[in-house]
Protein backbone atom coordinates (compact mmCIF):
# COMPACT_ATOMS: atom_id res chain seq x y z
CA UNK A 1 -59.02 92.64 150.93
CA UNK A 2 -56.51 91.94 148.10
CA UNK A 3 -56.67 88.99 145.71
CA UNK A 4 -53.84 87.16 144.01
CA UNK A 5 -54.02 86.50 140.28
CA UNK A 6 -54.94 83.01 139.30
CA UNK A 7 -51.80 81.01 138.64
CA UNK A 8 -51.34 79.37 135.21
CA UNK A 9 -51.60 75.61 135.16
CA UNK A 10 -48.32 75.61 133.16
CA UNK A 11 -45.25 76.29 135.29
CA UNK A 12 -43.34 79.44 134.39
CA UNK A 13 -40.19 77.54 133.43
CA UNK A 14 -42.20 75.48 130.93
CA UNK A 15 -43.67 78.64 129.43
CA UNK A 16 -40.21 80.05 128.96
CA UNK A 17 -38.99 76.82 127.41
CA UNK A 18 -41.97 76.75 125.04
CA UNK A 19 -41.33 80.36 124.00
CA UNK A 20 -37.68 79.50 123.40
CA UNK A 21 -38.62 76.49 121.27
CA UNK A 22 -41.11 78.51 119.22
CA UNK A 23 -38.46 81.20 118.64
CA UNK A 24 -35.97 78.54 117.61
CA UNK A 25 -38.41 76.95 115.15
CA UNK A 26 -39.24 80.36 113.65
CA UNK A 27 -35.52 81.11 113.31
CA UNK A 28 -34.91 77.78 111.55
CA UNK A 29 -37.90 78.34 109.30
CA UNK A 30 -36.68 81.84 108.45
CA UNK A 31 -33.20 80.52 107.71
CA UNK A 32 -34.61 77.80 105.47
CA UNK A 33 -36.71 80.31 103.54
CA UNK A 34 -33.69 82.60 103.14
CA UNK A 35 -31.50 79.75 101.82
CA UNK A 36 -34.16 78.75 99.32
CA UNK A 37 -34.43 82.36 98.18
CA UNK A 38 -30.66 82.38 97.65
CA UNK A 39 -30.95 79.26 95.48
CA UNK A 40 -33.71 80.91 93.46
CA UNK A 41 -31.46 83.92 92.90
CA UNK A 42 -28.48 81.75 91.94
CA UNK A 43 -30.54 79.86 89.37
CA UNK A 44 -30.95 83.08 87.41
CA UNK A 45 -27.18 83.15 86.86
CA UNK A 46 -26.86 79.91 84.92
CA UNK A 47 -24.22 79.58 82.24
CA UNK A 48 -26.51 80.34 79.32
CA UNK A 49 -27.87 83.49 80.92
CA UNK A 50 -24.42 84.70 81.91
CA UNK A 51 -22.82 84.10 78.51
CA UNK A 52 -25.80 85.62 76.73
CA UNK A 53 -25.14 88.80 78.66
CA UNK A 54 -21.48 88.98 77.68
CA UNK A 55 -20.04 90.42 74.53
CA UNK A 56 -17.01 89.17 72.65
CA UNK A 57 -13.86 90.73 74.20
CA UNK A 58 -12.34 93.70 72.44
CA UNK A 59 -9.10 92.75 70.73
CA UNK A 60 -5.98 94.39 72.07
CA UNK A 61 -2.61 94.77 70.43
CA UNK A 62 0.64 92.87 70.84
CA UNK A 63 1.85 95.75 73.02
CA UNK A 64 -1.34 96.02 75.07
CA UNK A 65 -3.44 92.87 75.41
CA UNK A 66 -7.02 93.01 76.66
CA UNK A 67 -7.28 91.27 80.07
CA UNK A 68 -10.08 88.68 80.09
CA UNK A 69 -11.61 86.07 82.37
CA UNK A 70 -12.54 82.58 81.22
CA UNK A 71 -16.15 83.64 80.78
CA UNK A 72 -15.04 86.25 78.27
CA UNK A 73 -13.39 83.75 75.93
CA UNK A 74 -16.13 81.10 75.79
CA UNK A 75 -19.58 80.83 74.28
CA UNK A 76 -22.31 78.20 74.45
CA UNK A 77 -21.57 75.09 72.40
CA UNK A 78 -23.77 74.08 69.49
CA UNK A 79 -23.48 70.33 70.09
CA UNK A 80 -25.51 68.69 72.88
CA UNK A 81 -22.32 67.18 74.30
CA UNK A 82 -20.26 70.35 73.99
CA UNK A 83 -21.52 72.63 76.75
CA UNK A 84 -19.27 75.55 75.86
CA UNK A 85 -16.44 76.31 73.47
CA UNK A 86 -13.82 78.97 72.86
CA UNK A 87 -14.74 81.96 70.74
CA UNK A 88 -13.27 81.58 67.25
CA UNK A 89 -10.69 84.02 65.87
CA UNK A 90 -9.61 85.43 69.22
CA UNK A 91 -6.45 87.52 69.37
CA UNK A 92 -5.01 90.27 71.49
CA UNK A 93 -6.52 88.94 74.73
CA UNK A 94 -4.65 88.19 77.95
CA UNK A 95 -5.90 85.10 79.79
CA UNK A 96 -3.97 84.00 82.88
CA UNK A 97 -1.04 86.23 82.00
CA UNK A 98 -0.59 85.14 78.39
CA UNK A 99 -2.09 85.85 75.02
CA UNK A 100 -4.69 83.40 73.75
CA UNK A 101 -5.25 83.21 70.01
CA UNK A 102 -7.81 80.93 68.38
CA UNK A 103 -8.45 80.00 64.77
CA UNK A 104 -11.78 79.95 62.93
CA UNK A 105 -12.76 76.72 64.70
CA UNK A 106 -12.09 78.12 68.16
CA UNK A 107 -8.91 76.07 68.66
CA UNK A 108 -5.80 77.50 70.32
CA UNK A 109 -3.81 76.83 67.17
CA UNK A 110 -2.65 78.55 64.02
CA UNK A 111 -5.15 79.21 61.21
CA UNK A 112 -5.71 76.03 59.23
CA UNK A 113 -4.60 75.78 55.62
CA UNK A 114 -5.52 73.05 53.11
CA UNK A 115 -3.74 69.77 53.74
CA UNK A 116 -0.92 69.00 51.30
CA UNK A 117 0.40 65.60 50.25
CA UNK A 118 3.31 65.82 52.68
CA UNK A 119 1.21 67.11 55.61
CA UNK A 120 0.85 64.95 58.70
CA UNK A 121 -1.88 66.14 61.03
CA UNK A 122 -2.00 65.36 64.74
CA UNK A 123 -5.09 66.44 66.67
CA UNK A 124 -4.87 66.89 70.42
CA UNK A 125 -7.94 66.30 72.59
CA UNK A 126 -7.74 67.59 76.14
CA UNK A 127 -8.58 70.05 78.88
CA UNK A 128 -6.76 72.91 80.61
CA UNK A 129 -3.47 70.98 80.78
CA UNK A 130 -3.22 70.46 77.04
CA UNK A 131 -4.74 73.90 76.40
CA UNK A 132 -1.80 75.47 78.22
CA UNK A 133 -3.47 77.12 81.20
CA UNK A 134 -1.06 79.78 82.44
CA UNK A 135 1.55 79.44 79.69
CA UNK A 136 2.13 81.11 76.34
CA UNK A 137 0.67 79.95 73.06
CA UNK A 138 4.00 78.64 71.80
CA UNK A 139 4.83 76.95 75.13
CA UNK A 140 1.96 74.42 74.97
CA UNK A 141 3.27 70.87 74.67
CA UNK A 142 1.47 70.28 71.36
CA UNK A 143 3.27 73.22 69.77
CA UNK A 144 6.54 72.07 71.33
CA UNK A 145 5.89 68.60 69.91
CA UNK A 146 5.31 70.11 66.47
CA UNK A 147 8.66 71.90 66.64
CA UNK A 148 10.43 68.66 67.58
CA UNK A 149 8.76 66.77 64.74
CA UNK A 150 9.50 69.48 62.19
CA UNK A 151 13.15 69.63 63.19
CA UNK A 152 13.60 65.86 63.12
CA UNK A 153 11.62 65.15 59.94
CA UNK A 154 11.67 68.34 57.85
CA UNK A 155 10.51 66.70 54.60
CA UNK A 156 7.04 66.56 56.11
CA UNK A 157 4.79 69.44 57.08
CA UNK A 158 3.74 68.68 60.65
CA UNK A 159 0.42 70.15 61.70
CA UNK A 160 -0.38 69.67 65.40
CA UNK A 161 -3.77 71.08 66.37
CA UNK A 162 -4.74 72.00 69.93
CA UNK A 163 -8.51 71.48 70.34
CA UNK A 164 -8.29 71.48 74.15
CA UNK A 165 -10.53 73.70 76.26
CA UNK A 166 -10.22 74.21 80.04
CA UNK A 167 -12.75 72.14 81.95
CA UNK A 168 -13.50 69.63 79.20
CA UNK A 169 -13.91 65.94 79.98
CA UNK A 170 -13.46 62.91 77.73
CA UNK A 171 -17.05 62.93 76.44
CA UNK A 172 -16.75 66.57 75.35
CA UNK A 173 -13.31 66.00 73.84
CA UNK A 174 -14.51 63.14 71.63
CA UNK A 175 -17.60 65.16 70.70
CA UNK A 176 -15.30 68.02 69.66
CA UNK A 177 -13.31 65.63 67.48
CA UNK A 178 -16.48 64.51 65.71
CA UNK A 179 -18.03 67.97 65.41
CA UNK A 180 -14.94 69.88 64.28
CA UNK A 181 -11.74 67.84 64.28
CA UNK A 182 -12.42 65.11 61.74
CA UNK A 183 -12.85 67.66 58.96
CA UNK A 184 -9.14 68.44 59.41
CA UNK A 185 -8.23 64.90 58.29
CA UNK A 186 -6.13 63.80 61.28
CA UNK A 187 -3.46 61.16 60.89
CA UNK A 188 -3.00 60.72 64.66
CA UNK A 189 -5.12 61.57 67.70
CA UNK A 190 -3.36 62.52 70.94
CA UNK A 191 -5.73 62.19 73.90
CA UNK A 192 -4.70 64.02 77.06
CA UNK A 193 -5.83 62.13 80.15
CA UNK A 194 -6.65 63.84 83.44
CA UNK A 195 -8.05 62.45 86.68
CA UNK A 196 -11.27 64.45 86.47
CA UNK A 197 -12.15 63.26 82.96
CA UNK A 198 -15.15 61.26 84.13
CA UNK A 199 -16.64 64.22 86.02
CA UNK A 200 -18.80 67.03 84.81
CA UNK A 201 -17.22 69.76 82.71
CA UNK A 202 -16.04 72.60 84.90
CA UNK A 203 -18.75 75.05 83.89
CA UNK A 204 -22.29 73.73 83.55
CA UNK A 205 -25.87 74.93 83.74
CA UNK A 206 -26.63 73.51 87.17
CA UNK A 207 -29.80 74.67 88.86
CA UNK A 208 -31.63 73.55 91.99
CA UNK A 209 -35.34 73.45 92.76
CA UNK A 210 -35.95 75.84 95.67
CA UNK A 211 -39.34 74.18 96.22
CA UNK A 212 -37.85 70.72 96.73
CA UNK A 213 -38.98 69.55 100.18
CA UNK A 214 -36.81 66.47 100.10
CA UNK A 215 -33.98 68.07 102.05
CA UNK A 216 -33.08 71.14 104.06
CA UNK A 217 -31.18 73.84 102.19
CA UNK A 218 -30.25 75.42 105.52
CA UNK A 219 -28.71 72.17 106.74
CA UNK A 220 -26.69 71.88 103.55
CA UNK A 221 -25.43 75.44 103.97
CA UNK A 222 -24.44 74.80 107.58
CA UNK A 223 -22.55 71.69 106.45
CA UNK A 224 -20.81 73.64 103.72
CA UNK A 225 -22.66 71.98 100.83
CA UNK A 226 -25.06 74.76 99.96
CA UNK A 227 -24.17 75.97 96.45
CA UNK A 228 -22.89 79.46 95.93
CA UNK A 229 -22.88 81.22 92.60
CA UNK A 230 -19.57 82.56 91.36
CA UNK A 231 -19.78 86.04 89.86
CA UNK A 232 -20.21 85.53 86.16
CA UNK A 233 -20.10 81.74 85.88
CA UNK A 234 -21.57 78.74 87.61
CA UNK A 235 -18.71 76.45 88.54
CA UNK A 236 -19.36 72.79 89.27
CA UNK A 237 -17.21 72.88 92.41
CA UNK A 238 -19.60 75.35 94.01
CA UNK A 239 -22.38 72.82 93.57
CA UNK A 240 -20.87 69.71 95.04
CA UNK A 241 -22.13 67.40 97.71
CA UNK A 242 -19.90 64.94 99.52
CA UNK A 243 -22.62 62.30 99.69
CA UNK A 244 -23.86 62.51 96.13
CA UNK A 245 -20.78 63.80 94.34
CA UNK A 246 -21.18 65.64 91.08
CA UNK A 247 -24.64 64.15 90.50
CA UNK A 248 -26.09 66.62 93.02
CA UNK A 249 -29.25 68.05 91.39
CA UNK A 250 -27.86 67.10 87.99
CA UNK A 251 -30.19 68.06 85.14
CA UNK A 252 -30.98 65.23 82.73
CA UNK A 253 -29.19 66.94 79.86
CA UNK A 254 -25.86 66.35 81.63
CA UNK A 255 -26.30 62.69 82.51
CA UNK A 256 -24.53 61.66 79.31
CA UNK A 257 -21.52 63.80 80.21
CA UNK A 258 -20.36 62.27 83.47
CA UNK A 259 -19.56 59.02 85.18
CA UNK A 260 -17.40 56.04 84.34
CA UNK A 261 -19.95 54.53 81.96
CA UNK A 262 -20.08 57.72 79.89
CA UNK A 263 -16.29 57.95 79.82
CA UNK A 264 -15.91 54.36 78.61
CA UNK A 265 -18.62 54.94 76.00
CA UNK A 266 -16.65 57.95 74.75
CA UNK A 267 -13.46 55.86 74.55
CA UNK A 268 -15.36 53.16 72.67
CA UNK A 269 -16.63 55.78 70.24
CA UNK A 270 -13.07 57.04 69.81
CA UNK A 271 -11.98 53.49 69.04
CA UNK A 272 -14.70 53.25 66.38
CA UNK A 273 -13.54 56.51 64.81
CA UNK A 274 -9.97 55.23 64.92
CA UNK A 275 -10.86 51.92 63.26
CA UNK A 276 -13.20 53.38 60.64
CA UNK A 277 -10.66 55.98 59.54
CA UNK A 278 -7.42 54.10 60.21
CA UNK A 279 -6.25 56.77 62.66
CA UNK A 280 -4.08 55.61 65.58
CA UNK A 281 -4.83 56.99 69.05
CA UNK A 282 -2.13 57.87 71.57
CA UNK A 283 -3.24 58.59 75.16
CA UNK A 284 -0.99 60.48 77.58
CA UNK A 285 -1.52 61.17 81.29
CA UNK A 286 0.57 64.07 82.57
CA UNK A 287 0.25 63.18 86.26
CA UNK A 288 -1.05 60.05 87.99
CA UNK A 289 0.12 60.59 91.57
CA UNK A 290 -1.64 62.45 94.36
CA UNK A 291 -1.19 62.56 98.13
CA UNK A 292 -4.98 62.67 98.27
CA UNK A 293 -5.31 59.85 95.78
CA UNK A 294 -8.69 60.50 94.16
CA UNK A 295 -8.19 62.32 90.87
CA UNK A 296 -4.67 61.14 90.14
CA UNK A 297 -5.60 57.51 90.77
CA UNK A 298 -8.50 58.04 88.39
CA UNK A 299 -5.97 59.14 85.78
CA UNK A 300 -4.24 55.76 86.10
CA UNK A 301 -7.58 53.97 85.75
CA UNK A 302 -8.52 56.05 82.72
CA UNK A 303 -5.13 55.38 81.13
CA UNK A 304 -5.69 51.65 81.72
CA UNK A 305 -9.12 51.95 80.08
CA UNK A 306 -7.42 53.59 77.09
CA UNK A 307 -4.99 50.69 76.90
CA UNK A 308 -7.95 48.28 77.00
CA UNK A 309 -9.26 49.99 73.86
CA UNK A 310 -5.97 49.26 72.13
CA UNK A 311 -4.61 52.80 72.32
CA UNK A 312 -0.90 53.46 72.76
CA UNK A 313 -0.38 55.01 76.21
CA UNK A 314 2.22 57.10 78.04
CA UNK A 315 2.30 57.82 81.78
CA UNK A 316 4.38 60.94 82.45
CA UNK A 317 4.54 60.36 86.21
CA UNK A 318 7.94 58.57 86.29
CA UNK A 319 9.50 61.45 84.33
CA UNK A 320 7.94 64.01 86.67
CA UNK A 321 9.35 62.03 89.59
CA UNK A 322 12.83 62.25 88.07
CA UNK A 323 12.53 65.94 87.22
CA UNK A 324 11.28 66.85 90.68
CA UNK A 325 14.00 64.82 92.41
CA UNK A 326 16.66 66.43 90.20
CA UNK A 327 15.41 69.88 91.20
CA UNK A 328 14.65 69.35 94.90
CA UNK A 329 16.36 66.12 95.93
CA UNK A 330 12.98 64.96 97.26
CA UNK A 331 10.52 62.30 96.10
CA UNK A 332 7.27 63.37 94.47
CA UNK A 333 4.82 64.87 96.94
CA UNK A 334 2.17 67.47 96.25
CA UNK A 335 3.70 69.83 98.79
CA UNK A 336 7.06 69.63 97.01
CA UNK A 337 5.59 69.63 93.50
CA UNK A 338 3.54 72.81 93.96
CA UNK A 339 6.64 74.78 94.96
CA UNK A 340 8.73 73.50 92.03
CA UNK A 341 9.44 74.90 88.58
CA UNK A 342 7.22 72.19 87.11
CA UNK A 343 4.05 74.19 87.82
CA UNK A 344 2.93 77.67 86.82
CA UNK A 345 2.85 78.74 90.47
CA UNK A 346 1.88 77.36 93.85
CA UNK A 347 -1.52 78.94 93.24
CA UNK A 348 -1.82 77.46 89.74
CA UNK A 349 -0.70 73.84 89.61
CA UNK A 350 -1.04 73.50 85.86
CA UNK A 351 2.17 72.48 84.07
CA UNK A 352 4.72 75.25 83.58
CA UNK A 353 6.42 75.94 80.27
CA UNK A 354 9.30 73.69 81.33
CA UNK A 355 6.93 70.82 82.11
CA UNK A 356 5.16 71.31 78.76
CA UNK A 357 8.57 71.01 77.11
CA UNK A 358 9.26 67.80 79.04
CA UNK A 359 5.87 66.36 78.04
CA UNK A 360 6.54 67.18 74.39
CA UNK A 361 9.96 65.52 74.52
CA UNK A 362 8.60 62.32 76.06
CA UNK A 363 5.67 62.22 73.64
CA UNK A 364 8.12 62.59 70.76
CA UNK A 365 10.31 59.78 72.11
CA UNK A 366 7.29 57.53 72.67
CA UNK A 367 6.01 58.08 69.15
CA UNK A 368 9.45 57.30 67.74
CA UNK A 369 10.12 54.23 69.87
CA UNK A 370 6.65 52.77 69.29
CA UNK A 371 7.11 53.03 65.53
CA UNK A 372 4.12 55.35 65.20
CA UNK A 373 6.09 58.06 63.40
CA UNK A 374 7.48 55.62 60.84
CA UNK A 375 3.99 54.35 60.12
CA UNK A 376 2.68 57.91 59.75
CA UNK A 377 5.47 58.91 57.36
CA UNK A 378 5.37 55.74 55.31
CA UNK A 379 8.20 54.49 53.10
């Protein structure tokens, strides 16, 4: 006589469902652990560690420049508000298709000589636009401005110094002026305004706590917000979060570098420097329009904040509108702009050499028409 096995009190379909749920939970748990391990690995590649492992690039010759990445031409900054800076005395290196030369202060300018009685010094504060990302050393608008000034007023020795570094924001730019620029005895400060000037500098030492149980790293990765580490450098755009913006896991040391309050504080400090030393400040925004609105509109707001501080201001947007319409017959739109001769290329939307020349011309005209040049030159 045969017997049938005792049936389980749990129906078979429920057993299968339970097994499926357990497998799913284990898969999620495994994915979460893996994502946290990735974060732990990425934290080892912070900016300090990466730059410490790099050596100064070997100098090439005028016939054969040494190709370099951005990480090759920067080092950690010595000031708490200057995260990184250009290596001093660079030459013979090819960055973005052009030679980059720096002086003993790490500025993309000629070596500095003692100031003479007839010398008028203009110091530029800015980021990759003013630096001349993707254009030659002599094509940068500050150098083009110097040539215009020297040709128009040859009895003076015009010294225009480019302190700009790609990725800098207003806080870092003003800190650079205080740490290095004021020793050069500026007679005028030219502040380049960009829509991302209240954000973090491009390259920062961001790190996340892989043991933080306050959120799911797997969920962030699935949503596209999980940070990835670029080979060589940690870029702020790989550590963004749509809900929290650039404050995502922001270490305390960077709190003073970002946000509207920090930007305004930097402008107020610049105003103090201006008043204490009788140095006028001229602020120029190269572009204030965007189909997407965010950064370009911020440029307009920042320019307005500069005006509130009593700085002379110039918005280049109307002149870009005219130049783009003259070239294409179309009004200014990002899709039109990025295919025009005003940018380095459609893959690099920094100003081209021709746009740098236009910026220099309009800056020159503004300084003349505002009476700034006459005041600088005196009777």
